[in-house]
Amino acid sequence: MNTIKTLAVFCGSSEGANPLYKETAQELGKQMHHQHVTLVYGGGNRGLMGIVAESLYSLGGRVIGVLPQALNRSDVRLHQVEERLIVVPTMHERKATMYELADAFVALPGGIGTFEEILEVYTWLQLGYHTKPVALLNIAGFYDSLLAFLEHSVQEGFLKADHFAALIVESDIGKLFEHLQCWEGKLSDKLGR
């Protein structure tokens, strides 16, 4: 059983086209408050990122933002929704700080930055750099194409089946938290040793 006290959430700085993305982001913040889980996020309070943070913060939950200096500006930080804001020099330091602070990682819908962040922590899991749960909150099938691609990678011999199975995929927030808490990080060696 994993104790999830802090959750790094990766998601879009836009709200996206489907209203369900925004509704789910709000619900995630409420569920994090109910579960007493602190949010670790990228510090920009726009789009889905801001909705999750604002939802949790408005209920009195803990929010930690990690922002690179170049993005510490008024068009990125519209207003304060963090108990604590950590400003770091670079994007690399932002990710390293978020990874260090988090007990688990989840991605909601987003763009290239979201994909890069969740796939990097998934890569680190595969390589044994950490043993923390990594999840996709697959709202309205947003990640179906990525999952099909990863499955294709398994079939083609580039991704091990147990590494693919280690990625938590859930569309229900309550079940997502159950999976995060029960997840076991025992994977075969990436290099086959």
C-alpha atoms as a PDB file:
ATOM      1  CA  MET A   1       0.000   0.000   0.000  1.00  0.00           C
ATOM      2  CA  ASN A   2       1.411   3.384  -1.064  1.00  0.00           C
ATOM      3  CA  THR A   3       0.889   6.476   1.026  1.00  0.00           C
ATOM      4  CA  ILE A   4       0.217   9.278  -1.435  1.00  0.00           C
ATOM      5  CA  LYS A   5       0.752  12.591   0.346  1.00  0.00           C
ATOM      6  CA  THR A   6       1.852  14.578  -2.696  1.00  0.00           C
ATOM      7  CA  LEU A   7       0.704  14.184  -6.288  1.00  0.00           C
ATOM      8  CA  ALA A   8       2.419  15.795  -9.267  1.00  0.00           C
ATOM      9  CA  VAL A   9      -0.192  16.673 -11.865  1.00  0.00           C
ATOM     10  CA  PHE A  10       0.806  17.364 -15.460  1.00  0.00           C
ATOM     11  CA  CYS A  11      -1.826  18.900 -17.735  1.00  0.00           C
ATOM     12  CA  GLY A  12      -2.538  21.590 -20.265  1.00  0.00           C
ATOM     13  CA  SER A  13      -2.155  25.317 -19.819  1.00  0.00           C
ATOM     14  CA  SER A  14      -5.322  25.503 -21.930  1.00  0.00           C
ATOM     15  CA  GLU A  15      -8.750  24.148 -21.023  1.00  0.00           C
ATOM     16  CA  GLY A  16      -9.139  22.117 -24.203  1.00  0.00           C
ATOM     17  CA  ALA A  17     -12.183  21.727 -26.414  1.00  0.00           C
ATOM     18  CA  ASN A  18     -14.200  19.254 -24.338  1.00  0.00           C
ATOM     19  CA  PRO A  19     -15.957  20.745 -21.244  1.00  0.00           C
ATOM     20  CA  LEU A  20     -15.398  17.385 -19.510  1.00  0.00           C
ATOM     21  CA  TYR A  21     -11.679  18.204 -19.200  1.00  0.00           C
ATOM     22  CA  LYS A  22     -12.441  21.260 -17.064  1.00  0.00           C
ATOM     23  CA  GLU A  23     -15.065  19.433 -14.999  1.00  0.00           C
ATOM     24  CA  THR A  24     -12.674  16.571 -14.301  1.00  0.00           C
ATOM     25  CA  ALA A  25      -9.839  18.957 -13.388  1.00  0.00           C
ATOM     26  CA  GLN A  26     -12.152  20.613 -10.833  1.00  0.00           C
ATOM     27  CA  GLU A  27     -13.214  17.217  -9.502  1.00  0.00           C
ATOM     28  CA  LEU A  28      -9.580  16.101  -9.176  1.00  0.00           C
ATOM     29  CA  GLY A  29      -8.876  19.119  -6.949  1.00  0.00           C
ATOM     30  CA  LYS A  30     -11.899  18.250  -4.783  1.00  0.00           C
ATOM     31  CA  GLN A  31     -10.845  14.611  -4.537  1.00  0.00           C
ATOM     32  CA  MET A  32      -7.287  15.606  -3.590  1.00  0.00           C
ATOM     33  CA  HIS A  33      -8.735  17.745  -0.792  1.00  0.00           C
ATOM     34  CA  HIS A  34     -10.898  14.829   0.365  1.00  0.00           C
ATOM     35  CA  GLN A  35      -7.848  12.508   0.314  1.00  0.00           C
ATOM     36  CA  HIS A  36      -5.602  15.117   2.053  1.00  0.00           C
ATOM     37  CA  VAL A  37      -3.181  15.054  -0.891  1.00  0.00           C
ATOM     38  CA  THR A  38      -0.947  18.039  -1.680  1.00  0.00           C
ATOM     39  CA  LEU A  39      -0.741  19.138  -5.299  1.00  0.00           C
ATOM     40  CA  VAL A  40       2.665  19.616  -6.901  1.00  0.00           C
ATOM     41  CA  TYR A  41       2.258  21.350 -10.237  1.00  0.00           C
ATOM     42  CA  GLY A  42       4.068  23.537 -12.735  1.00  0.00           C
ATOM     43  CA  GLY A  43       3.087  26.837 -11.127  1.00  0.00           C
ATOM     44  CA  GLY A  44       1.274  28.386 -14.074  1.00  0.00           C
ATOM     45  CA  ASN A  45      -2.343  28.857 -13.095  1.00  0.00           C
ATOM     46  CA  ARG A  46      -3.820  28.897 -16.584  1.00  0.00           C
ATOM     47  CA  GLY A  47      -5.910  26.219 -18.256  1.00  0.00           C
ATOM     48  CA  LEU A  48      -6.370  22.811 -16.655  1.00  0.00           C
ATOM     49  CA  MET A  49      -3.287  23.398 -14.473  1.00  0.00           C
ATOM     50  CA  GLY A  50      -4.912  26.423 -12.903  1.00  0.00           C
ATOM     51  CA  ILE A  51      -8.279  24.700 -12.540  1.00  0.00           C
ATOM     52  CA  VAL A  52      -6.853  21.791 -10.541  1.00  0.00           C
ATOM     53  CA  ALA A  53      -4.811  24.163  -8.367  1.00  0.00           C
ATOM     54  CA  GLU A  54      -7.663  26.620  -7.816  1.00  0.00           C
ATOM     55  CA  SER A  55     -10.148  23.852  -7.028  1.00  0.00           C
ATOM     56  CA  LEU A  56      -7.896  22.379  -4.338  1.00  0.00           C
ATOM     57  CA  TYR A  57      -6.675  25.728  -2.958  1.00  0.00           C
ATOM     58  CA  SER A  58     -10.205  27.168  -2.684  1.00  0.00           C
ATOM     59  CA  LEU A  59     -11.126  24.262  -0.391  1.00  0.00           C
ATOM     60  CA  GLY A  60      -8.119  24.928   1.846  1.00  0.00           C
ATOM     61  CA  GLY A  61      -5.920  22.232   0.310  1.00  0.00           C
ATOM     62  CA  ARG A  62      -2.167  22.461  -0.064  1.00  0.00           C
ATOM     63  CA  VAL A  63      -0.741  23.521  -3.420  1.00  0.00           C
ATOM     64  CA  ILE A  64       2.950  23.734  -4.285  1.00  0.00           C
ATOM     65  CA  GLY A  65       3.886  25.397  -7.565  1.00  0.00           C
ATOM     66  CA  VAL A  66       7.284  24.942  -9.206  1.00  0.00           C
ATOM     67  CA  LEU A  67       7.989  27.516 -11.873  1.00  0.00           C
ATOM     68  CA  PRO A  68      11.059  28.280 -13.988  1.00  0.00           C
ATOM     69  CA  GLN A  69      12.207  31.889 -13.734  1.00  0.00           C
ATOM     70  CA  ALA A  70      11.406  32.563 -17.402  1.00  0.00           C
ATOM     71  CA  LEU A  71       7.724  31.784 -16.783  1.00  0.00           C
ATOM     72  CA  ASN A  72       7.403  33.758 -13.553  1.00  0.00           C
ATOM     73  CA  ARG A  73       5.340  36.505 -15.160  1.00  0.00           C
ATOM     74  CA  SER A  74       1.800  37.855 -14.992  1.00  0.00           C
ATOM     75  CA  ASP A  75       0.498  36.204 -18.166  1.00  0.00           C
ATOM     76  CA  VAL A  76       1.431  32.772 -16.744  1.00  0.00           C
ATOM     77  CA  ARG A  77       0.613  33.445 -13.081  1.00  0.00           C
ATOM     78  CA  LEU A  78      -2.723  35.203 -13.254  1.00  0.00           C
ATOM     79  CA  HIS A  79      -3.210  35.112  -9.467  1.00  0.00           C
ATOM     80  CA  GLN A  80      -1.892  33.174  -6.486  1.00  0.00           C
ATOM     81  CA  VAL A  81      -3.329  29.714  -5.923  1.00  0.00           C
ATOM     82  CA  GLU A  82      -0.343  28.203  -4.114  1.00  0.00           C
ATOM     83  CA  GLU A  83       0.552  27.897  -0.498  1.00  0.00           C
ATOM     84  CA  ARG A  84       4.145  27.733  -1.693  1.00  0.00           C
ATOM     85  CA  LEU A  85       5.756  28.782  -4.980  1.00  0.00           C
ATOM     86  CA  ILE A  86       9.254  27.567  -5.780  1.00  0.00           C
ATOM     87  CA  VAL A  87      10.979  29.517  -8.562  1.00  0.00           C
ATOM     88  CA  VAL A  88      13.908  27.679 -10.155  1.00  0.00           C
ATOM     89  CA  PRO A  89      16.342  28.751 -12.885  1.00  0.00           C
ATOM     90  CA  THR A  90      15.435  26.201 -15.617  1.00  0.00           C
ATOM     91  CA  MET A  91      12.798  23.772 -16.875  1.00  0.00           C
ATOM     92  CA  HIS A  92      15.137  20.888 -16.014  1.00  0.00           C
ATOM     93  CA  GLU A  93      15.302  22.050 -12.399  1.00  0.00           C
ATOM     94  CA  ARG A  94      11.532  22.502 -12.382  1.00  0.00           C
ATOM     95  CA  LYS A  95      10.975  18.878 -13.359  1.00  0.00           C
ATOM     96  CA  ALA A  96      13.648  17.574 -10.987  1.00  0.00           C
ATOM     97  CA  THR A  97      12.076  19.513  -8.107  1.00  0.00           C
ATOM     98  CA  MET A  98       8.576  18.296  -8.948  1.00  0.00           C
ATOM     99  CA  TYR A  99       9.773  14.698  -9.203  1.00  0.00           C
ATOM    100  CA  GLU A 100      11.550  14.955  -5.856  1.00  0.00           C
ATOM    101  CA  LEU A 101       8.482  16.388  -4.104  1.00  0.00           C
ATOM    102  CA  ALA A 102       5.928  13.938  -5.554  1.00  0.00           C
ATOM    103  CA  ASP A 103       4.844  10.523  -4.272  1.00  0.00           C
ATOM    104  CA  ALA A 104       3.039   9.805  -7.562  1.00  0.00           C
ATOM    105  CA  PHE A 105       2.435  11.327 -10.995  1.00  0.00           C
ATOM    106  CA  VAL A 106      -0.697  11.761 -13.086  1.00  0.00           C
ATOM    107  CA  ALA A 107      -1.372  13.391 -16.444  1.00  0.00           C
ATOM    108  CA  LEU A 108      -4.645  14.921 -17.511  1.00  0.00           C
ATOM    109  CA  PRO A 109      -5.121  16.048 -21.110  1.00  0.00           C
ATOM    110  CA  GLY A 110      -2.520  18.469 -22.386  1.00  0.00           C
ATOM    111  CA  GLY A 111      -0.069  19.171 -25.166  1.00  0.00           C
ATOM    112  CA  ILE A 112       3.599  18.554 -25.868  1.00  0.00           C
ATOM    113  CA  GLY A 113       4.779  19.703 -22.428  1.00  0.00           C
ATOM    114  CA  THR A 114       2.338  17.365 -20.680  1.00  0.00           C
ATOM    115  CA  PHE A 115       3.377  14.439 -22.878  1.00  0.00           C
ATOM    116  CA  GLU A 116       7.060  15.134 -22.285  1.00  0.00           C
ATOM    117  CA  GLU A 117       6.642  15.371 -18.505  1.00  0.00           C
ATOM    118  CA  ILE A 118       4.589  12.195 -18.038  1.00  0.00           C
ATOM    119  CA  LEU A 119       6.662  10.183 -20.505  1.00  0.00           C
ATOM    120  CA  GLU A 120       9.875  11.249 -18.783  1.00  0.00           C
ATOM    121  CA  VAL A 121       8.708  10.003 -15.365  1.00  0.00           C
ATOM    122  CA  TYR A 122       7.429   6.844 -17.068  1.00  0.00           C
ATOM    123  CA  THR A 123      10.888   6.394 -18.634  1.00  0.00           C
ATOM    124  CA  TRP A 124      12.531   6.901 -15.252  1.00  0.00           C
ATOM    125  CA  LEU A 125      10.224   4.241 -13.785  1.00  0.00           C
ATOM    126  CA  GLN A 126      11.185   1.847 -16.580  1.00  0.00           C
ATOM    127  CA  LEU A 127      14.882   2.476 -15.885  1.00  0.00           C
ATOM    128  CA  GLY A 128      14.484   2.023 -12.128  1.00  0.00           C
ATOM    129  CA  TYR A 129      15.290   5.649 -11.249  1.00  0.00           C
ATOM    130  CA  HIS A 130      12.179   5.682  -9.046  1.00  0.00           C
ATOM    131  CA  THR A 131       9.401   3.335  -7.941  1.00  0.00           C
ATOM    132  CA  LYS A 132       6.520   5.790  -7.798  1.00  0.00           C
ATOM    133  CA  PRO A 133       3.187   5.240  -9.565  1.00  0.00           C
ATOM    134  CA  VAL A 134       2.696   6.909 -12.954  1.00  0.00           C
ATOM    135  CA  ALA A 135      -0.834   7.388 -14.289  1.00  0.00           C
ATOM    136  CA  LEU A 136      -2.947   8.781 -17.082  1.00  0.00           C
ATOM    137  CA  LEU A 137      -6.361  10.189 -16.227  1.00  0.00           C
ATOM    138  CA  ASN A 138      -7.876   9.239 -19.562  1.00  0.00           C
ATOM    139  CA  ILE A 139     -10.729  11.742 -19.780  1.00  0.00           C
ATOM    140  CA  ALA A 140     -13.097  11.101 -22.701  1.00  0.00           C
ATOM    141  CA  GLY A 141     -10.544   8.746 -24.278  1.00  0.00           C
ATOM    142  CA  PHE A 142      -7.978  11.539 -24.661  1.00  0.00           C
ATOM    143  CA  TYR A 143      -5.045   9.124 -24.280  1.00  0.00           C
ATOM    144  CA  ASP A 144      -6.466   6.242 -26.347  1.00  0.00           C
ATOM    145  CA  SER A 145      -4.171   6.959 -29.311  1.00  0.00           C
ATOM    146  CA  LEU A 146      -1.080   7.140 -27.082  1.00  0.00           C
ATOM    147  CA  LEU A 147      -2.050   3.856 -25.427  1.00  0.00           C
ATOM    148  CA  ALA A 148      -2.507   2.220 -28.835  1.00  0.00           C
ATOM    149  CA  PHE A 149       0.935   3.493 -29.825  1.00  0.00           C
ATOM    150  CA  LEU A 150       2.521   2.139 -26.623  1.00  0.00           C
ATOM    151  CA  GLU A 151       0.817  -1.215 -27.194  1.00  0.00           C
ATOM    152  CA  HIS A 152       2.204  -1.222 -30.740  1.00  0.00           C
ATOM    153  CA  SER A 153       5.642  -0.588 -29.242  1.00  0.00           C
ATOM    154  CA  VAL A 154       5.169  -3.694 -27.054  1.00  0.00           C
ATOM    155  CA  GLN A 155       4.155  -5.764 -30.085  1.00  0.00           C
ATOM    156  CA  GLU A 156       7.204  -4.540 -31.995  1.00  0.00           C
ATOM    157  CA  GLY A 157       9.557  -5.462 -29.144  1.00  0.00           C
ATOM    158  CA  PHE A 158      10.542  -1.978 -27.967  1.00  0.00           C
ATOM    159  CA  LEU A 159       8.540  -1.790 -24.737  1.00  0.00           C
ATOM    160  CA  LYS A 160       8.288  -4.667 -22.276  1.00  0.00           C
ATOM    161  CA  ALA A 161       4.771  -5.880 -21.543  1.00  0.00           C
ATOM    162  CA  ASP A 162       5.163  -5.490 -17.766  1.00  0.00           C
ATOM    163  CA  HIS A 163       6.446  -1.929 -18.245  1.00  0.00           C
ATOM    164  CA  PHE A 164       3.365  -1.115 -20.318  1.00  0.00           C
ATOM    165  CA  ALA A 165       1.139  -2.746 -17.685  1.00  0.00           C
ATOM    166  CA  ALA A 166       2.804  -0.658 -14.951  1.00  0.00           C
ATOM    167  CA  LEU A 167       1.262   2.524 -16.376  1.00  0.00           C
ATOM    168  CA  ILE A 168      -1.983   3.212 -14.522  1.00  0.00           C
ATOM    169  CA  VAL A 169      -4.777   4.219 -16.878  1.00  0.00           C
ATOM    170  CA  GLU A 170      -8.085   5.294 -15.389  1.00  0.00           C
ATOM    171  CA  SER A 171     -11.021   7.491 -16.357  1.00  0.00           C
ATOM    172  CA  ASP A 172     -12.606   7.549 -12.880  1.00  0.00           C
ATOM    173  CA  ILE A 173     -10.908   9.726 -10.239  1.00  0.00           C
ATOM    174  CA  GLY A 174     -11.927   7.546  -7.286  1.00  0.00           C
ATOM    175  CA  LYS A 175     -10.519   4.442  -8.963  1.00  0.00           C
ATOM    176  CA  LEU A 176      -7.407   6.394  -9.927  1.00  0.00           C
ATOM    177  CA  PHE A 177      -6.615   7.025  -6.247  1.00  0.00           C
ATOM    178  CA  GLU A 178      -7.257   3.352  -5.429  1.00  0.00           C
ATOM    179  CA  HIS A 179      -4.785   2.294  -8.139  1.00  0.00           C
ATOM    180  CA  LEU A 180      -2.170   4.823  -6.991  1.00  0.00           C
ATOM    181  CA  GLN A 181      -2.378   3.501  -3.431  1.00  0.00           C
ATOM    182  CA  CYS A 182      -2.271  -0.203  -4.387  1.00  0.00           C
ATOM    183  CA  TRP A 183       0.319   0.030  -7.166  1.00  0.00           C
ATOM    184  CA  GLU A 184       3.421  -2.167  -6.897  1.00  0.00           C
ATOM    185  CA  GLY A 185       6.572  -1.045  -8.659  1.00  0.00           C
ATOM    186  CA  LYS A 186       8.201  -4.376  -9.427  1.00  0.00           C
ATOM    187  CA  LEU A 187       9.333  -4.300 -13.044  1.00  0.00           C
ATOM    188  CA  SER A 188      11.645  -6.452 -15.115  1.00  0.00           C
ATOM    189  CA  ASP A 189      15.023  -4.955 -15.966  1.00  0.00           C
ATOM    190  CA  LYS A 190      14.773  -2.699 -19.019  1.00  0.00           C
ATOM    191  CA  LEU A 191      18.059  -4.032 -20.370  1.00  0.00           C
ATOM    192  CA  GLY A 192      17.149  -7.659 -19.689  1.00  0.00           C
ATOM    193  CA  ARG A 193      19.809  -8.341 -17.102  1.00  0.00           C
END
